[in-house]
């Protein structure tokens, strides 16, 4: 109906982008950005997750707008982005014509469903395109491979019908609580707990600011690693093996984060 009121598609997608943009993100995107993951998919148009990833020091490539470098974190924006309004998928016409030129995006999402155990956060499982993706994955999987689930979905509350529809494909974890505000807050607490278990937090090892909190063994290890780094010559650093050492050292020290200036911060 809204599309019928805006015959100019460019003006329509620009309006959608304007109404779905936001400058500041909340706690949930920040917690998701902190997870040690390299791949993510979203149906959202906004850039909140991207901004949070930038702020935690792990900027990502946006598919399909950008190329992904080896080892780089990336985000597949399956239904477009406010940064490219012409890519936004919203109307029935958009959904019906999705296959024209975007088969690769659907194929990548299906590959993740086939090869990963996905975590769904803030997703109501009602999108028709998602239903199509899951249907295709079900069709290609042989019967003996269907005993596992495709992922885990965090939902605000338990729902018998939803469990019956998706129980064979997804582990549905209900947050519970009285009302949406409490359920949303429990989701944030759950993500915070998950992040605490998923992130080993080793960047303190080579961080001078935490030297006073290190054990004797950690302090000795820190001294040995810094000595190794300082003693390595140019010929040693040119070897293939040094790239592995350099990667380990990088993970043991905090990464510099470029501060993002928000409106009103000047």
Protein backbone atom coordinates (compact mmCIF):
# COMPACT_ATOMS: atom_id res chain seq x y z
CA UNK A 1 0.00 0.00 0.00
CA UNK A 2 2.80 2.44 0.89
CA UNK A 3 4.55 1.64 -2.37
CA UNK A 4 1.37 2.48 -4.29
CA UNK A 5 1.38 5.91 -2.67
CA UNK A 6 4.96 6.48 -3.86
CA UNK A 7 5.16 5.64 -7.59
CA UNK A 8 8.74 6.90 -7.74
CA UNK A 9 10.78 3.93 -6.44
CA UNK A 10 13.89 5.99 -5.76
CA UNK A 11 11.93 8.46 -3.64
CA UNK A 12 10.24 5.56 -1.84
CA UNK A 13 13.49 3.76 -0.92
CA UNK A 14 15.07 7.05 0.14
CA UNK A 15 12.12 7.63 2.47
CA UNK A 16 12.43 4.10 3.89
CA UNK A 17 16.16 4.62 4.46
CA UNK A 18 15.52 7.91 6.23
CA UNK A 19 12.97 6.33 8.58
CA UNK A 20 15.08 3.28 9.42
CA UNK A 21 18.39 5.06 10.02
CA UNK A 22 19.70 5.68 13.53
CA UNK A 23 22.84 7.34 14.80
CA UNK A 24 23.25 5.51 18.10
CA UNK A 25 23.04 1.81 18.86
CA UNK A 26 21.88 0.13 22.03
CA UNK A 27 23.41 -2.56 24.21
CA UNK A 28 22.39 -5.57 22.09
CA UNK A 29 24.29 -4.53 18.93
CA UNK A 30 27.34 -3.75 21.07
CA UNK A 31 27.24 -7.20 22.68
CA UNK A 32 26.78 -8.91 19.32
CA UNK A 33 29.67 -6.92 17.87
CA UNK A 34 31.86 -8.09 20.75
CA UNK A 35 31.34 -11.77 19.94
CA UNK A 36 34.37 -13.40 18.28
CA UNK A 37 32.51 -14.15 15.04
CA UNK A 38 33.55 -13.44 11.46
CA UNK A 39 30.24 -13.95 9.61
CA UNK A 40 26.81 -12.43 10.11
CA UNK A 41 23.57 -12.03 8.18
CA UNK A 42 20.86 -9.46 8.74
CA UNK A 43 17.53 -8.49 7.22
CA UNK A 44 17.77 -5.04 8.84
CA UNK A 45 18.44 -1.95 6.77
CA UNK A 46 20.10 0.11 9.52
CA UNK A 47 23.83 0.34 10.22
CA UNK A 48 23.80 -0.17 14.00
CA UNK A 49 25.70 -3.47 13.97
CA UNK A 50 28.29 -2.06 11.58
CA UNK A 51 28.83 0.97 13.83
CA UNK A 52 29.19 -1.24 16.89
CA UNK A 53 31.74 -3.47 15.13
CA UNK A 54 33.73 -0.39 14.15
CA UNK A 55 33.71 0.86 17.73
CA UNK A 56 34.95 -2.45 19.19
CA UNK A 57 37.86 -2.39 16.74
CA UNK A 58 36.69 -5.00 14.21
CA UNK A 59 35.26 -3.14 11.21
CA UNK A 60 33.63 -5.39 8.67
CA UNK A 61 32.97 -5.64 4.94
CA UNK A 62 29.39 -5.24 3.79
CA UNK A 63 28.08 -7.72 1.26
CA UNK A 64 27.26 -7.25 -1.54
CA UNK A 65 28.57 -3.66 -1.66
CA UNK A 66 32.16 -4.47 -0.67
CA UNK A 67 34.72 -7.16 -1.35
CA UNK A 68 35.80 -9.33 1.58
CA UNK A 69 39.51 -9.70 2.23
CA UNK A 70 40.91 -13.03 3.52
CA UNK A 71 40.21 -13.35 7.23
CA UNK A 72 38.09 -10.20 7.33
CA UNK A 73 34.86 -9.98 9.27
CA UNK A 74 31.81 -9.53 7.04
CA UNK A 75 28.07 -8.87 7.17
CA UNK A 76 25.59 -9.99 4.53
CA UNK A 77 22.76 -7.45 4.30
CA UNK A 78 20.25 -9.73 2.66
CA UNK A 79 17.53 -7.11 2.22
CA UNK A 80 19.62 -4.04 1.52
CA UNK A 81 21.00 -1.15 3.52
CA UNK A 82 20.24 2.49 4.27
CA UNK A 83 23.70 3.23 2.84
CA UNK A 84 22.42 2.03 -0.55
CA UNK A 85 18.65 2.72 -0.60
CA UNK A 86 18.25 1.21 -4.06
CA UNK A 87 19.05 -2.22 -2.57
CA UNK A 88 16.23 -2.16 0.00
CA UNK A 89 13.79 -5.07 -0.19
CA UNK A 90 10.40 -4.24 1.29
CA UNK A 91 7.47 -4.43 -1.12
CA UNK A 92 5.82 -7.53 -2.56
CA UNK A 93 7.37 -6.63 -5.91
CA UNK A 94 10.81 -6.60 -4.28
CA UNK A 95 10.25 -10.05 -2.76
CA UNK A 96 8.88 -11.57 -5.95
CA UNK A 97 11.77 -10.19 -7.99
CA UNK A 98 14.47 -11.01 -5.46
CA UNK A 99 15.88 -13.85 -7.52
CA UNK A 100 16.73 -11.59 -10.42
CA UNK A 101 20.38 -10.69 -9.87
CA UNK A 102 20.50 -11.63 -6.17
CA UNK A 103 20.74 -15.42 -6.37
CA UNK A 104 24.29 -15.27 -5.00
CA UNK A 105 23.11 -13.60 -1.79
CA UNK A 106 20.49 -16.27 -1.18
CA UNK A 107 23.05 -18.96 -2.00
CA UNK A 108 25.44 -17.57 0.62
CA UNK A 109 22.69 -17.52 3.25
CA UNK A 110 21.78 -21.11 2.39
CA UNK A 111 25.43 -22.14 2.62
CA UNK A 112 25.59 -20.73 6.15
CA UNK A 113 22.46 -22.64 7.11
CA UNK A 114 24.04 -25.81 5.74
CA UNK A 115 27.51 -25.39 7.25
CA UNK A 116 27.02 -23.41 10.48
CA UNK A 117 24.90 -23.47 13.61
CA UNK A 118 23.43 -19.98 13.42
CA UNK A 119 22.29 -17.76 16.29
CA UNK A 120 19.14 -15.75 15.52
CA UNK A 121 18.69 -12.61 17.61
CA UNK A 122 15.80 -10.17 17.29
CA UNK A 123 14.25 -12.14 14.44
CA UNK A 124 10.57 -13.12 14.47
CA UNK A 125 10.96 -16.02 11.99
CA UNK A 126 8.08 -14.64 9.91
CA UNK A 127 9.91 -13.35 6.84
CA UNK A 128 8.81 -15.07 3.61
CA UNK A 129 12.30 -14.96 2.14
CA UNK A 130 13.70 -16.72 5.19
CA UNK A 131 11.00 -19.38 4.87
CA UNK A 132 12.10 -19.93 1.27
CA UNK A 133 15.74 -20.29 2.29
CA UNK A 134 14.95 -22.86 4.98
CA UNK A 135 12.67 -24.76 2.60
CA UNK A 136 15.47 -25.06 0.04
CA UNK A 137 17.90 -26.25 2.70
CA UNK A 138 15.41 -28.85 3.90
CA UNK A 139 14.98 -30.10 0.35
CA UNK A 140 18.69 -30.56 -0.30
CA UNK A 141 19.54 -32.25 3.00
CA UNK A 142 19.28 -36.05 2.91
CA UNK A 143 17.08 -37.63 5.61
CA UNK A 144 20.07 -38.90 7.61
CA UNK A 145 21.44 -35.35 7.86
CA UNK A 146 18.26 -33.80 9.24
CA UNK A 147 18.69 -34.94 12.83
CA UNK A 148 20.53 -31.74 13.71
CA UNK A 149 19.07 -28.24 13.91
CA UNK A 150 20.11 -25.32 11.74
CA UNK A 151 20.55 -22.91 14.62
CA UNK A 152 19.33 -21.39 17.86
CA UNK A 153 16.78 -18.58 17.98
CA UNK A 154 16.46 -16.26 20.98
CA UNK A 155 12.77 -15.38 21.28
CA UNK A 156 11.10 -13.11 23.79
CA UNK A 157 8.42 -15.56 24.91
CA UNK A 158 7.42 -19.18 24.45
CA UNK A 159 4.86 -19.91 21.75
CA UNK A 160 3.41 -23.39 21.18
CA UNK A 161 2.58 -22.80 17.52
CA UNK A 162 6.01 -21.36 16.74
CA UNK A 163 7.65 -24.29 18.52
CA UNK A 164 5.64 -26.73 16.45
CA UNK A 165 6.50 -24.93 13.21
CA UNK A 166 10.22 -24.49 13.88
CA UNK A 167 11.09 -27.02 16.57
CA UNK A 168 12.62 -29.50 14.13
CA UNK A 169 14.85 -26.85 12.56
CA UNK A 170 15.75 -24.47 15.38
CA UNK A 171 16.36 -24.57 19.10
CA UNK A 172 13.98 -21.90 20.41
CA UNK A 173 15.20 -20.26 23.62
CA UNK A 174 12.51 -18.13 25.27
CA UNK A 175 13.70 -15.29 27.48
CA UNK A 176 10.52 -15.28 29.55
CA UNK A 177 9.53 -12.52 31.93
CA UNK A 178 6.50 -10.29 32.33
CA UNK A 179 6.14 -8.14 29.24
CA UNK A 180 8.36 -7.08 26.38
CA UNK A 181 10.63 -4.67 28.33
CA UNK A 182 11.65 -7.37 30.80
CA UNK A 183 12.02 -9.95 28.04
CA UNK A 184 14.23 -7.59 26.03
CA UNK A 185 16.33 -6.89 29.10
CA UNK A 186 16.77 -10.62 29.70
CA UNK A 187 17.92 -10.97 26.11
CA UNK A 188 20.65 -8.40 26.77
CA UNK A 189 21.68 -10.23 29.95
CA UNK A 190 21.78 -13.52 28.03
CA UNK A 191 23.99 -11.98 25.32
CA UNK A 192 26.27 -10.45 27.97
CA UNK A 193 26.67 -13.85 29.61
CA UNK A 194 27.32 -15.53 26.26
CA UNK A 195 29.95 -12.92 25.40
CA UNK A 196 31.65 -13.48 28.75
CA UNK A 197 31.96 -17.20 27.97
CA UNK A 198 32.87 -16.77 24.29
CA UNK A 199 35.55 -14.10 24.63
CA UNK A 200 38.71 -15.47 26.24
CA UNK A 201 39.82 -11.92 26.98
CA UNK A 202 43.50 -12.45 26.29
CA UNK A 203 44.24 -8.93 25.07
CA UNK A 204 45.35 -7.99 28.60
CA UNK A 205 48.49 -10.17 28.38
CA UNK A 206 50.61 -7.62 26.48
CA UNK A 207 48.77 -4.56 27.80
CA UNK A 208 50.97 -2.58 30.17
CA UNK A 209 47.89 -1.19 31.92
CA UNK A 210 47.13 -4.64 33.36
CA UNK A 211 50.67 -5.53 34.43
CA UNK A 212 49.84 -5.00 38.10
CA UNK A 213 47.01 -7.54 37.90
CA UNK A 214 48.99 -10.32 36.21
CA UNK A 215 50.21 -13.42 37.98
CA UNK A 216 53.93 -14.12 38.14
CA UNK A 217 53.55 -16.68 35.35
CA UNK A 218 51.64 -14.22 33.14
CA UNK A 219 54.21 -11.49 33.78
CA UNK A 220 57.06 -13.88 32.88
CA UNK A 221 55.27 -14.94 29.71
CA UNK A 222 54.66 -11.30 28.80
CA UNK A 223 58.37 -10.51 29.19
CA UNK A 224 59.38 -13.48 27.03
CA UNK A 225 56.93 -12.59 24.26
CA UNK A 226 58.00 -8.94 24.18
CA UNK A 227 61.65 -10.01 24.11
CA UNK A 228 60.96 -12.37 21.22
CA UNK A 229 59.21 -9.61 19.30
CA UNK A 230 62.01 -7.14 19.93
CA UNK A 231 64.77 -9.59 19.01
CA UNK A 232 63.24 -10.81 15.74
CA UNK A 233 65.23 -9.55 12.79
CA UNK A 234 64.00 -8.52 9.37
CA UNK A 235 64.92 -11.90 7.82
CA UNK A 236 62.99 -13.75 10.51
CA UNK A 237 59.97 -11.47 10.09
CA UNK A 238 60.02 -12.19 6.34
CA UNK A 239 59.36 -15.91 6.89
CA UNK A 240 55.92 -17.44 6.53
CA UNK A 241 56.10 -18.69 10.11
CA UNK A 242 56.44 -15.15 11.47
CA UNK A 243 52.97 -14.25 10.19
CA UNK A 244 51.57 -16.85 12.60
CA UNK A 245 53.63 -15.42 15.46
CA UNK A 246 52.59 -11.88 14.58
CA UNK A 247 48.94 -12.90 14.53
CA UNK A 248 49.26 -14.46 17.99
CA UNK A 249 50.95 -11.34 19.34
CA UNK A 250 48.22 -9.16 17.86
CA UNK A 251 45.57 -11.18 19.65
CA UNK A 252 47.40 -10.76 22.95
CA UNK A 253 47.36 -6.97 22.88
CA UNK A 254 44.49 -4.46 22.66
CA UNK A 255 43.70 -3.08 19.25
CA UNK A 256 43.54 0.71 18.80
CA UNK A 257 40.00 1.92 18.27
CA UNK A 258 39.25 5.02 16.26
CA UNK A 259 36.65 7.03 18.15
CA UNK A 260 33.46 7.64 16.25
CA UNK A 261 32.24 11.21 16.73
CA UNK A 262 28.49 11.36 17.30
CA UNK A 263 26.29 14.40 16.73
CA UNK A 264 26.46 16.58 19.84
CA UNK A 265 29.89 15.30 20.90
CA UNK A 266 31.80 18.18 19.37
